[in-house]
Amino acid sequence: MTNTEIVRINLNLIKTCCSYQAQKYSVPKDLLDDLVQEVSLILLEYPNDKLDRINSENHMNAFITGILLRTCYSTNSQFYRQFRKFSSMTDDITAYEWKY
């Protein structure tokens, strides 16, 4: 199976894992689609023989969860940088006091 087929077959699993981890680690709902896309992109770029073996052995749930944890909390991750930027902007907006 190609990586595209594997991602297509496991798309609901990817969305479920992403939504669960987003709730668990307070990732804003606005970034949930970005997280799903980031995980899908990582899976598409993964070596086909390894991803096919992981899929055939039914280890995709654990593999996707590992990718999610590294994506959400690795300082080298693009998603982590976007998440922190979004969080700091949200904090700035909520901390601002309107004066009339």
N, C-alpha and C. Protein backbone atom coordinates (compact mmCIF):
# COMPACT_ATOMS: atom_id res chain seq x y z
N MET A 1 0.84 -1.19 0.00
CA MET A 1 0.00 0.00 0.00
C MET A 1 0.88 1.24 0.00
N THR A 2 0.43 2.28 -0.66
CA THR A 2 1.19 3.53 -0.67
C THR A 2 0.85 4.33 0.59
N ASN A 3 1.68 5.32 0.86
CA ASN A 3 1.44 6.18 2.02
C ASN A 3 0.12 6.93 1.90
N THR A 4 -0.22 7.35 0.70
CA THR A 4 -1.48 8.07 0.50
C THR A 4 -2.67 7.19 0.85
N GLU A 5 -2.64 5.95 0.44
CA GLU A 5 -3.73 5.03 0.76
C GLU A 5 -3.82 4.78 2.27
N ILE A 6 -2.66 4.64 2.91
CA ILE A 6 -2.63 4.39 4.36
C ILE A 6 -3.21 5.59 5.10
N VAL A 7 -2.84 6.79 4.70
CA VAL A 7 -3.38 7.99 5.36
C VAL A 7 -4.88 8.09 5.10
N ARG A 8 -5.31 7.81 3.88
CA ARG A 8 -6.74 7.88 3.55
C ARG A 8 -7.54 6.87 4.38
N ILE A 9 -7.03 5.67 4.54
CA ILE A 9 -7.72 4.64 5.32
C ILE A 9 -7.79 5.02 6.80
N ASN A 10 -6.72 5.62 7.30
CA ASN A 10 -6.63 5.92 8.73
C ASN A 10 -6.98 7.36 9.07
N LEU A 11 -7.64 8.08 8.18
CA LEU A 11 -7.94 9.50 8.42
C LEU A 11 -8.83 9.71 9.64
N ASN A 12 -9.83 8.85 9.82
CA ASN A 12 -10.68 8.99 11.01
C ASN A 12 -9.89 8.74 12.29
N LEU A 13 -8.98 7.78 12.26
CA LEU A 13 -8.12 7.53 13.41
C LEU A 13 -7.23 8.73 13.70
N ILE A 14 -6.68 9.34 12.67
CA ILE A 14 -5.84 10.54 12.83
C ILE A 14 -6.65 11.66 13.47
N LYS A 15 -7.86 11.89 12.97
CA LYS A 15 -8.71 12.95 13.52
C LYS A 15 -9.08 12.67 14.97
N THR A 16 -9.39 11.42 15.28
CA THR A 16 -9.75 11.06 16.65
C THR A 16 -8.58 11.26 17.60
N CYS A 17 -7.41 10.79 17.20
CA CYS A 17 -6.22 10.95 18.04
C CYS A 17 -5.88 12.44 18.23
N CYS A 18 -5.98 13.21 17.16
CA CYS A 18 -5.67 14.64 17.25
C CYS A 18 -6.66 15.36 18.17
N SER A 19 -7.94 15.05 18.05
CA SER A 19 -8.91 15.73 18.90
C SER A 19 -8.73 15.34 20.36
N TYR A 20 -8.40 14.07 20.62
CA TYR A 20 -8.17 13.65 22.00
C TYR A 20 -6.95 14.34 22.60
N GLN A 21 -5.85 14.35 21.86
CA GLN A 21 -4.63 14.98 22.37
C GLN A 21 -4.80 16.49 22.48
N ALA A 22 -5.56 17.09 21.57
CA ALA A 22 -5.81 18.53 21.64
C ALA A 22 -6.58 18.88 22.91
N GLN A 23 -7.56 18.07 23.27
CA GLN A 23 -8.31 18.31 24.51
C GLN A 23 -7.42 18.08 25.72
N LYS A 24 -6.64 17.03 25.68
CA LYS A 24 -5.80 16.66 26.82
C LYS A 24 -4.74 17.71 27.12
N TYR A 25 -4.17 18.31 26.08
CA TYR A 25 -3.08 19.25 26.26
C TYR A 25 -3.45 20.69 25.94
N SER A 26 -4.74 21.00 25.94
CA SER A 26 -5.25 22.37 25.79
C SER A 26 -4.80 23.05 24.51
N VAL A 27 -4.79 22.32 23.42
CA VAL A 27 -4.52 22.92 22.12
C VAL A 27 -5.83 23.56 21.66
N PRO A 28 -5.81 24.83 21.25
CA PRO A 28 -7.05 25.49 20.82
C PRO A 28 -7.72 24.76 19.66
N LYS A 29 -9.04 24.78 19.64
CA LYS A 29 -9.80 24.10 18.57
C LYS A 29 -9.49 24.71 17.21
N ASP A 30 -9.09 25.97 17.20
CA ASP A 30 -8.74 26.61 15.93
C ASP A 30 -7.56 25.94 15.24
N LEU A 31 -6.72 25.30 16.03
CA LEU A 31 -5.52 24.67 15.48
C LEU A 31 -5.68 23.18 15.22
N LEU A 32 -6.85 22.63 15.47
CA LEU A 32 -7.06 21.20 15.32
C LEU A 32 -6.88 20.74 13.87
N ASP A 33 -7.43 21.49 12.92
CA ASP A 33 -7.24 21.12 11.51
C ASP A 33 -5.78 21.19 11.10
N ASP A 34 -5.06 22.18 11.63
CA ASP A 34 -3.63 22.29 11.34
C ASP A 34 -2.88 21.09 11.90
N LEU A 35 -3.27 20.63 13.06
CA LEU A 35 -2.63 19.47 13.67
C LEU A 35 -2.88 18.21 12.85
N VAL A 36 -4.10 18.03 12.38
CA VAL A 36 -4.43 16.88 11.53
C VAL A 36 -3.60 16.92 10.25
N GLN A 37 -3.49 18.09 9.65
CA GLN A 37 -2.69 18.23 8.43
C GLN A 37 -1.22 17.96 8.68
N GLU A 38 -0.72 18.43 9.80
CA GLU A 38 0.70 18.22 10.13
C GLU A 38 1.00 16.73 10.31
N VAL A 39 0.13 16.02 11.02
CA VAL A 39 0.32 14.58 11.23
C VAL A 39 0.21 13.84 9.90
N SER A 40 -0.76 14.21 9.09
CA SER A 40 -0.92 13.57 7.77
C SER A 40 0.31 13.80 6.90
N LEU A 41 0.85 14.98 6.93
CA LEU A 41 2.05 15.28 6.15
C LEU A 41 3.24 14.45 6.62
N ILE A 42 3.40 14.32 7.93
CA ILE A 42 4.49 13.50 8.47
C ILE A 42 4.33 12.06 8.01
N LEU A 43 3.10 11.54 8.05
CA LEU A 43 2.87 10.17 7.60
C LEU A 43 3.13 10.00 6.11
N LEU A 44 2.77 11.00 5.32
CA LEU A 44 3.00 10.92 3.87
C LEU A 44 4.49 10.93 3.54
N GLU A 45 5.29 11.61 4.35
CA GLU A 45 6.73 11.70 4.09
C GLU A 45 7.52 10.55 4.71
N TYR A 46 6.86 9.71 5.51
CA TYR A 46 7.53 8.61 6.20
C TYR A 46 7.88 7.52 5.18
N PRO A 47 8.99 6.79 5.38
CA PRO A 47 9.36 5.71 4.44
C PRO A 47 8.23 4.68 4.30
N ASN A 48 7.90 4.36 3.07
CA ASN A 48 6.74 3.53 2.78
C ASN A 48 6.83 2.14 3.40
N ASP A 49 7.97 1.50 3.33
CA ASP A 49 8.06 0.14 3.86
C ASP A 49 7.82 0.10 5.37
N LYS A 50 8.32 1.10 6.09
CA LYS A 50 8.11 1.14 7.54
C LYS A 50 6.66 1.45 7.88
N LEU A 51 6.07 2.42 7.18
CA LEU A 51 4.68 2.78 7.44
C LEU A 51 3.74 1.64 7.08
N ASP A 52 4.04 0.92 6.01
CA ASP A 52 3.21 -0.22 5.62
C ASP A 52 3.29 -1.32 6.68
N ARG A 53 4.47 -1.55 7.23
CA ARG A 53 4.62 -2.56 8.28
C ARG A 53 3.86 -2.15 9.54
N ILE A 54 3.96 -0.88 9.92
CA ILE A 54 3.24 -0.38 11.10
C ILE A 54 1.74 -0.54 10.90
N ASN A 55 1.25 -0.22 9.72
CA ASN A 55 -0.17 -0.33 9.42
C ASN A 55 -0.63 -1.80 9.42
N SER A 56 0.15 -2.67 8.82
CA SER A 56 -0.24 -4.07 8.74
C SER A 56 -0.21 -4.76 10.10
N GLU A 57 0.62 -4.27 11.02
CA GLU A 57 0.68 -4.84 12.37
C GLU A 57 -0.29 -4.16 13.34
N ASN A 58 -1.13 -3.26 12.82
CA ASN A 58 -2.14 -2.54 13.61
C ASN A 58 -1.55 -1.73 14.77
N HIS A 59 -0.46 -1.03 14.48
CA HIS A 59 0.17 -0.17 15.48
C HIS A 59 0.01 1.31 15.16
N MET A 60 -0.92 1.64 14.27
CA MET A 60 -1.07 3.03 13.84
C MET A 60 -1.49 3.95 14.98
N ASN A 61 -2.33 3.48 15.89
CA ASN A 61 -2.80 4.32 16.99
C ASN A 61 -1.62 4.79 17.83
N ALA A 62 -0.77 3.87 18.23
CA ALA A 62 0.40 4.23 19.04
C ALA A 62 1.38 5.09 18.25
N PHE A 63 1.55 4.79 16.97
CA PHE A 63 2.46 5.55 16.14
C PHE A 63 1.99 6.99 15.96
N ILE A 64 0.69 7.16 15.70
CA ILE A 64 0.13 8.50 15.54
C ILE A 64 0.21 9.27 16.84
N THR A 65 -0.04 8.61 17.97
CA THR A 65 0.05 9.29 19.27
C THR A 65 1.48 9.76 19.53
N GLY A 66 2.45 8.95 19.19
CA GLY A 66 3.85 9.37 19.33
C GLY A 66 4.19 10.56 18.47
N ILE A 67 3.70 10.55 17.24
CA ILE A 67 3.92 11.70 16.34
C ILE A 67 3.28 12.95 16.93
N LEU A 68 2.07 12.80 17.46
CA LEU A 68 1.36 13.94 18.04
C LEU A 68 2.12 14.54 19.22
N LEU A 69 2.62 13.69 20.09
CA LEU A 69 3.36 14.21 21.25
C LEU A 69 4.61 14.96 20.82
N ARG A 70 5.33 14.40 19.85
CA ARG A 70 6.53 15.09 19.37
C ARG A 70 6.17 16.36 18.62
N THR A 71 5.08 16.35 17.89
CA THR A 71 4.67 17.53 17.12
C THR A 71 4.22 18.65 18.04
N CYS A 72 3.48 18.31 19.08
CA CYS A 72 2.94 19.34 19.98
C CYS A 72 3.99 19.91 20.93
N TYR A 73 5.03 19.14 21.27
CA TYR A 73 5.93 19.59 22.32
C TYR A 73 7.40 19.67 21.95
N SER A 74 7.75 19.36 20.73
CA SER A 74 9.13 19.52 20.30
C SER A 74 9.35 20.97 19.88
N THR A 75 10.36 21.60 20.43
CA THR A 75 10.62 23.00 20.10
C THR A 75 11.08 23.16 18.65
N ASN A 76 11.45 22.08 17.99
CA ASN A 76 11.85 22.13 16.59
C ASN A 76 10.66 21.98 15.64
N SER A 77 9.49 21.68 16.18
CA SER A 77 8.31 21.45 15.36
C SER A 77 7.68 22.78 14.93
N GLN A 78 7.31 22.84 13.66
CA GLN A 78 6.64 24.04 13.14
C GLN A 78 5.30 24.26 13.84
N PHE A 79 4.56 23.17 14.10
CA PHE A 79 3.28 23.30 14.78
C PHE A 79 3.47 23.85 16.19
N TYR A 80 4.50 23.41 16.88
CA TYR A 80 4.77 23.90 18.24
C TYR A 80 5.00 25.41 18.22
N ARG A 81 5.76 25.88 17.25
CA ARG A 81 6.02 27.32 17.15
C ARG A 81 4.73 28.09 16.86
N GLN A 82 3.88 27.56 15.99
CA GLN A 82 2.60 28.21 15.70
C GLN A 82 1.70 28.19 16.92
N PHE A 83 1.67 27.09 17.62
CA PHE A 83 0.84 26.94 18.81
C PHE A 83 1.28 27.94 19.88
N ARG A 84 2.57 28.06 20.13
CA ARG A 84 3.07 29.02 21.12
C ARG A 84 2.78 30.45 20.69
N LYS A 85 2.93 30.74 19.41
CA LYS A 85 2.64 32.09 18.91
C LYS A 85 1.16 32.41 19.11
N PHE A 86 0.29 31.46 18.78
CA PHE A 86 -1.15 31.65 18.96
C PHE A 86 -1.48 31.83 20.44
N SER A 87 -0.86 31.03 21.30
CA SER A 87 -1.12 31.12 22.74
C SER A 87 -0.67 32.45 23.31
N SER A 88 0.49 32.93 22.87
CA SER A 88 0.96 34.21 23.39
C SER A 88 0.10 35.36 22.89
N MET A 89 -0.40 35.27 21.65
CA MET A 89 -1.29 36.31 21.15
C MET A 89 -2.60 36.30 21.92
N THR A 90 -3.12 35.11 22.21
CA THR A 90 -4.37 34.99 22.97
C THR A 90 -4.19 35.56 24.37
N ASP A 91 -3.04 35.27 25.00
CA ASP A 91 -2.77 35.81 26.33
C ASP A 91 -2.70 37.33 26.31
N ASP A 92 -2.08 37.89 25.27
CA ASP A 92 -1.98 39.34 25.15
C ASP A 92 -3.35 39.97 25.00
N ILE A 93 -4.20 39.34 24.21
CA ILE A 93 -5.54 39.89 23.98
C ILE A 93 -6.38 39.83 25.24
N THR A 94 -6.31 38.71 25.97
CA THR A 94 -7.13 38.58 27.18
C THR A 94 -6.59 39.44 28.31
N ALA A 95 -5.29 39.74 28.29
CA ALA A 95 -4.72 40.56 29.35
C ALA A 95 -4.97 42.04 29.13
N TYR A 96 -5.30 42.42 27.90
CA TYR A 96 -5.53 43.83 27.58
C TYR A 96 -6.83 44.30 28.20
N GLU A 97 -6.77 45.41 28.86
CA GLU A 97 -7.98 45.96 29.49
C GLU A 97 -8.49 47.11 28.63
N TRP A 98 -9.75 47.04 28.32
CA TRP A 98 -10.36 48.11 27.56
C TRP A 98 -10.66 49.27 28.49
N LYS A 99 -10.27 50.46 28.09
CA LYS A 99 -10.56 51.66 28.89
C LYS A 99 -11.42 52.59 28.05
N TYR A 100 -12.55 52.95 28.61
CA TYR A 100 -13.47 53.82 27.89
C TYR A 100 -13.33 55.24 28.34
